[in-house]
Structure formats: C-alpha cells, structure tokens
PDB file of N, CA and C in Angstrom:
ATOM      1  N   MET A   1       0.941  -1.470  -0.444  1.00  0.00           N
ATOM      2  CA  MET A   1      -0.217   0.364  -0.198  1.00  0.00           C
ATOM      3  C   MET A   1       0.958   1.611  -0.010  1.00  0.00           C
ATOM      4  N   SER A   2       0.549   2.467  -0.390  1.00  0.00           N
ATOM      5  CA  SER A   2       0.827   3.397  -0.514  1.00  0.00           C
ATOM      6  C   SER A   2       0.727   4.121   0.617  1.00  0.00           C
ATOM      7  N   GLU A   3       2.082   4.918   1.290  1.00  0.00           N
ATOM      8  CA  GLU A   3       2.378   5.499   2.281  1.00  0.00           C
ATOM      9  C   GLU A   3       0.954   6.490   3.283  1.00  0.00           C
ATOM     10  N   ASP A   4       1.286   7.207   1.594  1.00  0.00           N
ATOM     11  CA  ASP A   4       0.874   8.489   2.074  1.00  0.00           C
ATOM     12  C   ASP A   4      -0.593   8.623   1.506  1.00  0.00           C
ATOM     13  N   THR A   5      -0.982   7.469   0.964  1.00  0.00           N
ATOM     14  CA  THR A   5      -3.039   7.555   0.449  1.00  0.00           C
ATOM     15  C   THR A   5      -3.650   6.416   1.284  1.00  0.00           C
ATOM     16  N   LYS A   6      -2.550   5.566   1.909  1.00  0.00           N
ATOM     17  CA  LYS A   6      -3.048   4.255   1.934  1.00  0.00           C
ATOM     18  C   LYS A   6      -4.185   3.325   0.735  1.00  0.00           C
ATOM     19  N   THR A   7      -3.902   3.660  -0.352  1.00  0.00           N
ATOM     20  CA  THR A   7      -4.732   3.152  -1.046  1.00  0.00           C
ATOM     21  C   THR A   7      -3.552   1.662  -1.751  1.00  0.00           C
ATOM     22  N   PRO A   8      -3.909   0.427  -1.962  1.00  0.00           N
ATOM     23  CA  PRO A   8      -3.326  -0.096  -2.586  1.00  0.00           C
ATOM     24  C   PRO A   8      -2.265   0.079  -4.524  1.00  0.00           C
ATOM     25  N   ASP A   9      -0.985  -0.119  -3.968  1.00  0.00           N
ATOM     26  CA  ASP A   9      -0.781   0.057  -5.576  1.00  0.00           C
ATOM     27  C   ASP A   9      -0.984  -0.846  -6.921  1.00  0.00           C
ATOM     28  N   PHE A  10      -0.588   0.047  -8.153  1.00  0.00           N
ATOM     29  CA  PHE A  10      -0.830  -0.888  -9.052  1.00  0.00           C
ATOM     30  C   PHE A  10      -0.489  -2.251  -9.113  1.00  0.00           C
ATOM     31  N   GLU A  11       0.118  -3.376  -8.075  1.00  0.00           N
ATOM     32  CA  GLU A  11       0.697  -3.925  -9.104  1.00  0.00           C
ATOM     33  C   GLU A  11      -0.345  -4.626  -7.957  1.00  0.00           C
ATOM     34  N   SER A  12      -0.298  -4.810  -6.900  1.00  0.00           N
ATOM     35  CA  SER A  12      -1.124  -5.666  -6.019  1.00  0.00           C
ATOM     36  C   SER A  12      -2.570  -5.349  -6.358  1.00  0.00           C
ATOM     37  N   THR A  13      -2.880  -4.880  -6.668  1.00  0.00           N
ATOM     38  CA  THR A  13      -4.287  -4.260  -7.977  1.00  0.00           C
ATOM     39  C   THR A  13      -4.628  -5.844  -8.541  1.00  0.00           C
ATOM     40  N   LEU A  14      -3.846  -4.926  -9.353  1.00  0.00           N
ATOM     41  CA  LEU A  14      -3.228  -5.791 -11.031  1.00  0.00           C
ATOM     42  C   LEU A  14      -3.466  -7.811 -10.625  1.00  0.00           C
ATOM     43  N   ALA A  15      -2.384  -7.948  -9.518  1.00  0.00           N
ATOM     44  CA  ALA A  15      -2.335  -9.179  -9.220  1.00  0.00           C
ATOM     45  C   ALA A  15      -3.877  -9.792  -8.736  1.00  0.00           C
ATOM     46  N   GLU A  16      -4.900  -8.914  -7.272  1.00  0.00           N
ATOM     47  CA  GLU A  16      -6.118  -9.099  -6.994  1.00  0.00           C
ATOM     48  C   GLU A  16      -7.011  -9.780  -8.427  1.00  0.00           C
ATOM     49  N   LEU A  17      -6.235  -8.750  -9.358  1.00  0.00           N
ATOM     50  CA  LEU A  17      -7.701  -8.666 -10.487  1.00  0.00           C
ATOM     51  C   LEU A  17      -7.733  -9.683 -11.063  1.00  0.00           C
ATOM     52  N   GLU A  18      -5.634 -10.268 -11.407  1.00  0.00           N
ATOM     53  CA  GLU A  18      -5.759 -11.584 -12.337  1.00  0.00           C
ATOM     54  C   GLU A  18      -6.240 -12.801 -11.574  1.00  0.00           C
ATOM     55  N   ALA A  19      -5.881 -12.506  -9.922  1.00  0.00           N
ATOM     56  CA  ALA A  19      -6.180 -13.871  -8.995  1.00  0.00           C
ATOM     57  C   ALA A  19      -7.601 -14.058  -9.449  1.00  0.00           C
ATOM     58  N   LEU A  20      -8.433 -12.378  -9.396  1.00  0.00           N
ATOM     59  CA  LEU A  20     -10.310 -13.524  -9.411  1.00  0.00           C
ATOM     60  C   LEU A  20     -10.196 -13.476 -11.160  1.00  0.00           C
ATOM     61  N   VAL A  21     -10.414 -12.973 -11.796  1.00  0.00           N
ATOM     62  CA  VAL A  21      -9.890 -14.133 -12.978  1.00  0.00           C
ATOM     63  C   VAL A  21      -9.123 -14.959 -13.497  1.00  0.00           C
ATOM     64  N   GLN A  22      -8.738 -15.509 -12.395  1.00  0.00           N
ATOM     65  CA  GLN A  22      -8.135 -17.196 -12.980  1.00  0.00           C
ATOM     66  C   GLN A  22      -9.645 -18.198 -12.042  1.00  0.00           C
ATOM     67  N   ARG A  23      -9.842 -17.337 -10.888  1.00  0.00           N
ATOM     68  CA  ARG A  23     -11.339 -18.164 -10.144  1.00  0.00           C
ATOM     69  C   ARG A  23     -12.334 -18.217 -11.010  1.00  0.00           C
ATOM     70  N   LEU A  24     -12.403 -16.770 -12.181  1.00  0.00           N
ATOM     71  CA  LEU A  24     -13.927 -16.680 -12.444  1.00  0.00           C
ATOM     72  C   LEU A  24     -13.751 -17.890 -14.119  1.00  0.00           C
ATOM     73  N   GLU A  25     -12.533 -17.641 -14.732  1.00  0.00           N
ATOM     74  CA  GLU A  25     -12.045 -18.756 -15.683  1.00  0.00           C
ATOM     75  C   GLU A  25     -12.385 -20.519 -15.253  1.00  0.00           C
ATOM     76  N   LYS A  26     -12.025 -20.916 -14.172  1.00  0.00           N
ATOM     77  CA  LYS A  26     -12.136 -22.257 -13.557  1.00  0.00           C
ATOM     78  C   LYS A  26     -13.694 -22.415 -13.658  1.00  0.00           C
ATOM     79  N   GLY A  27     -14.386 -21.701 -13.030  1.00  0.00           N
ATOM     80  CA  GLY A  27     -16.271 -22.028 -13.520  1.00  0.00           C
ATOM     81  C   GLY A  27     -16.393 -22.751 -12.061  1.00  0.00           C
ATOM     82  N   ASP A  28     -15.679 -23.231 -11.263  1.00  0.00           N
ATOM     83  CA  ASP A  28     -16.465 -23.634  -9.858  1.00  0.00           C
ATOM     84  C   ASP A  28     -16.821 -22.879  -9.236  1.00  0.00           C
ATOM     85  N   LEU A  29     -17.219 -21.782  -9.095  1.00  0.00           N
ATOM     86  CA  LEU A  29     -17.153 -21.757  -8.011  1.00  0.00           C
ATOM     87  C   LEU A  29     -19.466 -20.676  -8.930  1.00  0.00           C
ATOM     88  N   SER A  30     -19.983 -20.667  -7.678  1.00  0.00           N
ATOM     89  CA  SER A  30     -21.490 -20.307  -7.347  1.00  0.00           C
ATOM     90  C   SER A  30     -21.760 -19.290  -7.654  1.00  0.00           C
ATOM     91  N   LEU A  31     -22.856 -18.889  -8.300  1.00  0.00           N
ATOM     92  CA  LEU A  31     -23.760 -18.234  -8.564  1.00  0.00           C
ATOM     93  C   LEU A  31     -23.320 -16.679  -8.149  1.00  0.00           C
ATOM     94  N   ASP A  32     -23.530 -16.757  -6.714  1.00  0.00           N
ATOM     95  CA  ASP A  32     -24.073 -15.589  -6.178  1.00  0.00           C
ATOM     96  C   ASP A  32     -21.815 -15.630  -5.773  1.00  0.00           C
ATOM     97  N   GLU A  33     -21.082 -16.143  -6.422  1.00  0.00           N
ATOM     98  CA  GLU A  33     -19.669 -16.609  -6.228  1.00  0.00           C
ATOM     99  C   GLU A  33     -19.268 -14.885  -7.198  1.00  0.00           C
ATOM    100  N   SER A  34     -19.500 -16.198  -7.880  1.00  0.00           N
ATOM    101  CA  SER A  34     -18.909 -15.472  -9.278  1.00  0.00           C
ATOM    102  C   SER A  34     -19.672 -13.775  -9.461  1.00  0.00           C
ATOM    103  N   LEU A  35     -20.589 -13.097  -8.534  1.00  0.00           N
ATOM    104  CA  LEU A  35     -21.420 -12.328  -9.237  1.00  0.00           C
ATOM    105  C   LEU A  35     -20.039 -11.620  -7.755  1.00  0.00           C
ATOM    106  N   LYS A  36     -20.430 -11.592  -7.258  1.00  0.00           N
ATOM    107  CA  LYS A  36     -19.401 -10.575  -6.231  1.00  0.00           C
ATOM    108  C   LYS A  36     -18.272 -11.298  -6.369  1.00  0.00           C
ATOM    109  N   ALA A  37     -17.253 -11.241  -7.131  1.00  0.00           N
ATOM    110  CA  ALA A  37     -16.001 -11.570  -7.706  1.00  0.00           C
ATOM    111  C   ALA A  37     -16.043 -10.991  -8.634  1.00  0.00           C
ATOM    112  N   TYR A  38     -16.677 -10.952  -9.965  1.00  0.00           N
ATOM    113  CA  TYR A  38     -16.815  -9.826 -10.501  1.00  0.00           C
ATOM    114  C   TYR A  38     -16.751  -8.564 -10.583  1.00  0.00           C
ATOM    115  N   GLU A  39     -18.211  -8.639  -9.758  1.00  0.00           N
ATOM    116  CA  GLU A  39     -18.097  -7.288  -9.124  1.00  0.00           C
ATOM    117  C   GLU A  39     -17.198  -6.738  -8.698  1.00  0.00           C
ATOM    118  N   ARG A  40     -15.876  -7.482  -7.680  1.00  0.00           N
ATOM    119  CA  ARG A  40     -14.723  -7.036  -6.975  1.00  0.00           C
ATOM    120  C   ARG A  40     -13.861  -6.989  -8.337  1.00  0.00           C
ATOM    121  N   ALA A  41     -14.058  -7.392  -9.416  1.00  0.00           N
ATOM    122  CA  ALA A  41     -13.557  -6.875 -10.613  1.00  0.00           C
ATOM    123  C   ALA A  41     -13.598  -6.005 -11.197  1.00  0.00           C
ATOM    124  N   VAL A  42     -14.921  -5.271 -11.288  1.00  0.00           N
ATOM    125  CA  VAL A  42     -14.856  -3.862 -11.746  1.00  0.00           C
ATOM    126  C   VAL A  42     -13.954  -3.303 -11.339  1.00  0.00           C
ATOM    127  N   VAL A  43     -14.030  -2.971  -9.623  1.00  0.00           N
ATOM    128  CA  VAL A  43     -13.659  -2.216  -8.907  1.00  0.00           C
ATOM    129  C   VAL A  43     -12.347  -2.380  -8.694  1.00  0.00           C
ATOM    130  N   LEU A  44     -12.370  -3.248  -9.465  1.00  0.00           N
ATOM    131  CA  LEU A  44      -9.643  -3.328  -9.066  1.00  0.00           C
ATOM    132  C   LEU A  44      -9.699  -3.165 -10.787  1.00  0.00           C
ATOM    133  N   SER A  45     -10.721  -2.653 -11.798  1.00  0.00           N
ATOM    134  CA  SER A  45      -9.931  -2.356 -12.985  1.00  0.00           C
ATOM    135  C   SER A  45     -10.534  -1.227 -13.789  1.00  0.00           C
ATOM    136  N   ARG A  46     -11.612  -0.458 -12.382  1.00  0.00           N
ATOM    137  CA  ARG A  46     -11.234   0.605 -12.878  1.00  0.00           C
ATOM    138  C   ARG A  46     -10.146   1.542 -11.758  1.00  0.00           C
ATOM    139  N   ALA A  47      -9.886   1.129 -10.803  1.00  0.00           N
ATOM    140  CA  ALA A  47      -8.333   1.172 -10.112  1.00  0.00           C
ATOM    141  C   ALA A  47      -7.220   1.363 -10.970  1.00  0.00           C
ATOM    142  N   CYS A  48      -7.303  -0.033 -11.910  1.00  0.00           N
ATOM    143  CA  CYS A  48      -6.350   0.334 -12.163  1.00  0.00           C
ATOM    144  C   CYS A  48      -5.355   1.311 -13.741  1.00  0.00           C
ATOM    145  N   GLN A  49      -7.197   1.929 -13.996  1.00  0.00           N
ATOM    146  CA  GLN A  49      -6.907   1.760 -15.259  1.00  0.00           C
ATOM    147  C   GLN A  49      -6.872   3.445 -14.053  1.00  0.00           C
ATOM    148  N   VAL A  50      -6.790   4.589 -13.487  1.00  0.00           N
ATOM    149  CA  VAL A  50      -7.200   4.750 -13.179  1.00  0.00           C
ATOM    150  C   VAL A  50      -5.672   5.751 -12.376  1.00  0.00           C
ATOM    151  N   SER A  51      -5.013   4.149 -11.790  1.00  0.00           N
ATOM    152  CA  SER A  51      -3.307   4.674 -11.763  1.00  0.00           C
ATOM    153  C   SER A  51      -2.452   4.559 -13.045  1.00  0.00           C
ATOM    154  N   LEU A  52      -3.216   3.751 -14.143  1.00  0.00           N
ATOM    155  CA  LEU A  52      -2.552   3.609 -15.738  1.00  0.00           C
ATOM    156  C   LEU A  52      -2.618   6.069 -16.262  1.00  0.00           C
ATOM    157  N   GLN A  53      -4.013   6.345 -16.157  1.00  0.00           N
ATOM    158  CA  GLN A  53      -4.352   7.931 -16.620  1.00  0.00           C
ATOM    159  C   GLN A  53      -3.270   8.124 -15.476  1.00  0.00           C
ATOM    160  N   GLU A  54      -3.363   8.154 -14.134  1.00  0.00           N
ATOM    161  CA  GLU A  54      -1.802   9.297 -13.906  1.00  0.00           C
ATOM    162  C   GLU A  54      -0.458   9.175 -13.766  1.00  0.00           C
ATOM    163  N   ALA A  55      -0.386   7.698 -14.633  1.00  0.00           N
ATOM    164  CA  ALA A  55       1.038   6.669 -14.455  1.00  0.00           C
ATOM    165  C   ALA A  55       1.777   7.850 -15.562  1.00  0.00           C
ATOM    166  N   GLU A  56       0.204   8.066 -16.520  1.00  0.00           N
ATOM    167  CA  GLU A  56       0.133   8.436 -18.127  1.00  0.00           C
ATOM    168  C   GLU A  56       0.711  10.506 -17.962  1.00  0.00           C
ATOM    169  N   LEU A  57      -0.823  10.868 -16.777  1.00  0.00           N
ATOM    170  CA  LEU A  57      -0.210  12.717 -17.068  1.00  0.00           C
ATOM    171  C   LEU A  57       0.689  13.089 -16.550  1.00  0.00           C
ATOM    172  N   ARG A  58       1.663  11.882 -15.336  1.00  0.00           N
ATOM    173  CA  ARG A  58       2.869  12.583 -14.462  1.00  0.00           C
ATOM    174  C   ARG A  58       4.131  12.156 -15.887  1.00  0.00           C
ATOM    175  N   VAL A  59       4.278  10.633 -16.697  1.00  0.00           N
ATOM    176  CA  VAL A  59       5.020  11.176 -17.779  1.00  0.00           C
ATOM    177  C   VAL A  59       4.789  12.310 -18.585  1.00  0.00           C
ATOM    178  N   LYS A  60       3.886  13.291 -19.052  1.00  0.00           N
ATOM    179  CA  LYS A  60       3.367  14.049 -20.172  1.00  0.00           C
ATOM    180  C   LYS A  60       4.047  15.267 -19.016  1.00  0.00           C
ATOM    181  N   LYS A  61       3.277  15.463 -17.688  1.00  0.00           N
ATOM    182  CA  LYS A  61       4.241  17.087 -17.473  1.00  0.00           C
ATOM    183  C   LYS A  61       5.466  16.957 -17.470  1.00  0.00           C
ATOM    184  N   LEU A  62       6.270  15.639 -17.218  1.00  0.00           N
ATOM    185  CA  LEU A  62       7.389  15.384 -16.350  1.00  0.00           C
ATOM    186  C   LEU A  62       8.427  16.180 -17.982  1.00  0.00           C
ATOM    187  N   THR A  63       7.769  15.328 -19.729  1.00  0.00           N
ATOM    188  CA  THR A  63       8.121  15.609 -20.356  1.00  0.00           C
ATOM    189  C   THR A  63       7.903  16.979 -21.064  1.00  0.00           C
ATOM    190  N   GLN A  64       6.868  17.448 -21.243  1.00  0.00           N
ATOM    191  CA  GLN A  64       6.176  19.077 -21.080  1.00  0.00           C
ATOM    192  C   GLN A  64       7.013  19.966 -20.606  1.00  0.00           C
ATOM    193  N   ASP A  65       7.673  19.920 -18.825  1.00  0.00           N
ATOM    194  CA  ASP A  65       8.564  20.323 -18.754  1.00  0.00           C
ATOM    195  C   ASP A  65      10.268  20.695 -18.893  1.00  0.00           C
ATOM    196  N   GLY A  66      10.450  18.936 -19.726  1.00  0.00           N
ATOM    197  CA  GLY A  66      11.644  19.595 -20.365  1.00  0.00           C
ATOM    198  C   GLY A  66      12.298  18.671 -19.592  1.00  0.00           C
ATOM    199  N   VAL A  67      11.063  17.505 -18.871  1.00  0.00           N
ATOM    200  CA  VAL A  67      13.243  16.654 -17.637  1.00  0.00           C
ATOM    201  C   VAL A  67      13.302  15.882 -18.403  1.00  0.00           C
ATOM    202  N   LEU A  68      12.570  14.632 -19.192  1.00  0.00           N
ATOM    203  CA  LEU A  68      12.694  13.789 -19.839  1.00  0.00           C
ATOM    204  C   LEU A  68      13.892  14.625 -20.480  1.00  0.00           C
ATOM    205  N   GLU A  69      13.480  15.428 -21.812  1.00  0.00           N
ATOM    206  CA  GLU A  69      14.915  16.032 -22.592  1.00  0.00           C
ATOM    207  C   GLU A  69      16.718  16.281 -22.067  1.00  0.00           C
ATOM    208  N   ASP A  70      16.323  16.603 -20.138  1.00  0.00           N
ATOM    209  CA  ASP A  70      17.172  16.975 -19.699  1.00  0.00           C
ATOM    210  C   ASP A  70      17.981  16.300 -18.896  1.00  0.00           C
ATOM    211  N   LEU A  71      17.356  14.854 -19.192  1.00  0.00           N
ATOM    212  CA  LEU A  71      18.325  13.102 -18.665  1.00  0.00           C
ATOM    213  C   LEU A  71      18.178  12.500 -20.274  1.00  0.00           C
ATOM    214  N   GLU A  72      17.004  12.611 -21.599  1.00  0.00           N
ATOM    215  CA  GLU A  72      17.916  12.038 -22.288  1.00  0.00           C
ATOM    216  C   GLU A  72      19.863  12.810 -22.662  1.00  0.00           C
ATOM    217  N   SER A  73      19.615  14.249 -22.295  1.00  0.00           N
ATOM    218  CA  SER A  73      20.625  14.633 -22.763  1.00  0.00           C
ATOM    219  C   SER A  73      22.176  14.157 -22.673  1.00  0.00           C
ATOM    220  N   GLU A  74      21.501  14.021 -20.664  1.00  0.00           N
ATOM    221  CA  GLU A  74      23.017  13.403 -19.912  1.00  0.00           C
ATOM    222  C   GLU A  74      23.135  11.867 -20.085  1.00  0.00           C
ATOM    223  N   ASP A  75      22.801  11.592 -21.137  1.00  0.00           N
ATOM    224  CA  ASP A  75      23.569   9.823 -21.452  1.00  0.00           C
ATOM    225  C   ASP A  75      24.586   9.510 -20.929  1.00  0.00           C
ATOM    226  N   PRO A  76      24.666   8.696 -19.885  1.00  0.00           N
ATOM    227  CA  PRO A  76      26.781   8.111 -18.740  1.00  0.00           C
ATOM    228  C   PRO A  76      28.161   7.849 -20.679  1.00  0.00           C
ATOM    229  N   ASP A  77      27.044   6.719 -21.350  1.00  0.00           N
ATOM    230  CA  ASP A  77      27.468   6.856 -22.936  1.00  0.00           C
ATOM    231  C   ASP A  77      27.629   8.285 -24.143  1.00  0.00           C
ATOM    232  N   ASP A  78      27.750   9.178 -23.670  1.00  0.00           N
ATOM    233  CA  ASP A  78      28.149  10.201 -24.766  1.00  0.00           C
ATOM    234  C   ASP A  78      29.181  10.630 -24.042  1.00  0.00           C
ATOM    235  N   GLU A  79      29.988  10.045 -22.861  1.00  0.00           N
ATOM    236  CA  GLU A  79      31.524  10.999 -22.330  1.00  0.00           C
ATOM    237  C   GLU A  79      32.158   9.804 -22.646  1.00  0.00           C
TER     238      GLU A  79
END
C-alpha cells in the first residue's frame, strides 16, 4: 500500500484482479460467488485504469517540463 494515501498500489491491485479472473475462468464458483468476484473485478479494473491514467499524466507533465529531455542529454554513454 502507498504510505501517503493508504490505497493499494497498482501491482497489488493488478495481482488481485488477475487472481479473480483465474477463479472466474475455472468456472467452479457458484452464481453468487461469481457475481461477487465479478463486481470486485470491476472495482479493481477501474482502480488500475485510474493508476495508469495518473502515471500517463505524470509522464506527460515531465515531458512538457523538459525533464525527460534533460535526462536524455545526460546520457553516460556520451562520455
């Protein structure tokens, strides 16, 4: 979990989502269990989407601020 927000990080959310998908694919859950697993999977999927969108915005901001270009110009192989 992220310490500053107390929310699960992307990797743990994705791992839980993948585990739920595997359980659903097995097909041995009851209808009620399947519905609960599906509902949880939707929540986890949305959380992953939000995390990815936030990461994309951070990368765009860094690129717009010129940070990535500055890092690329400091390539250690150039020396």
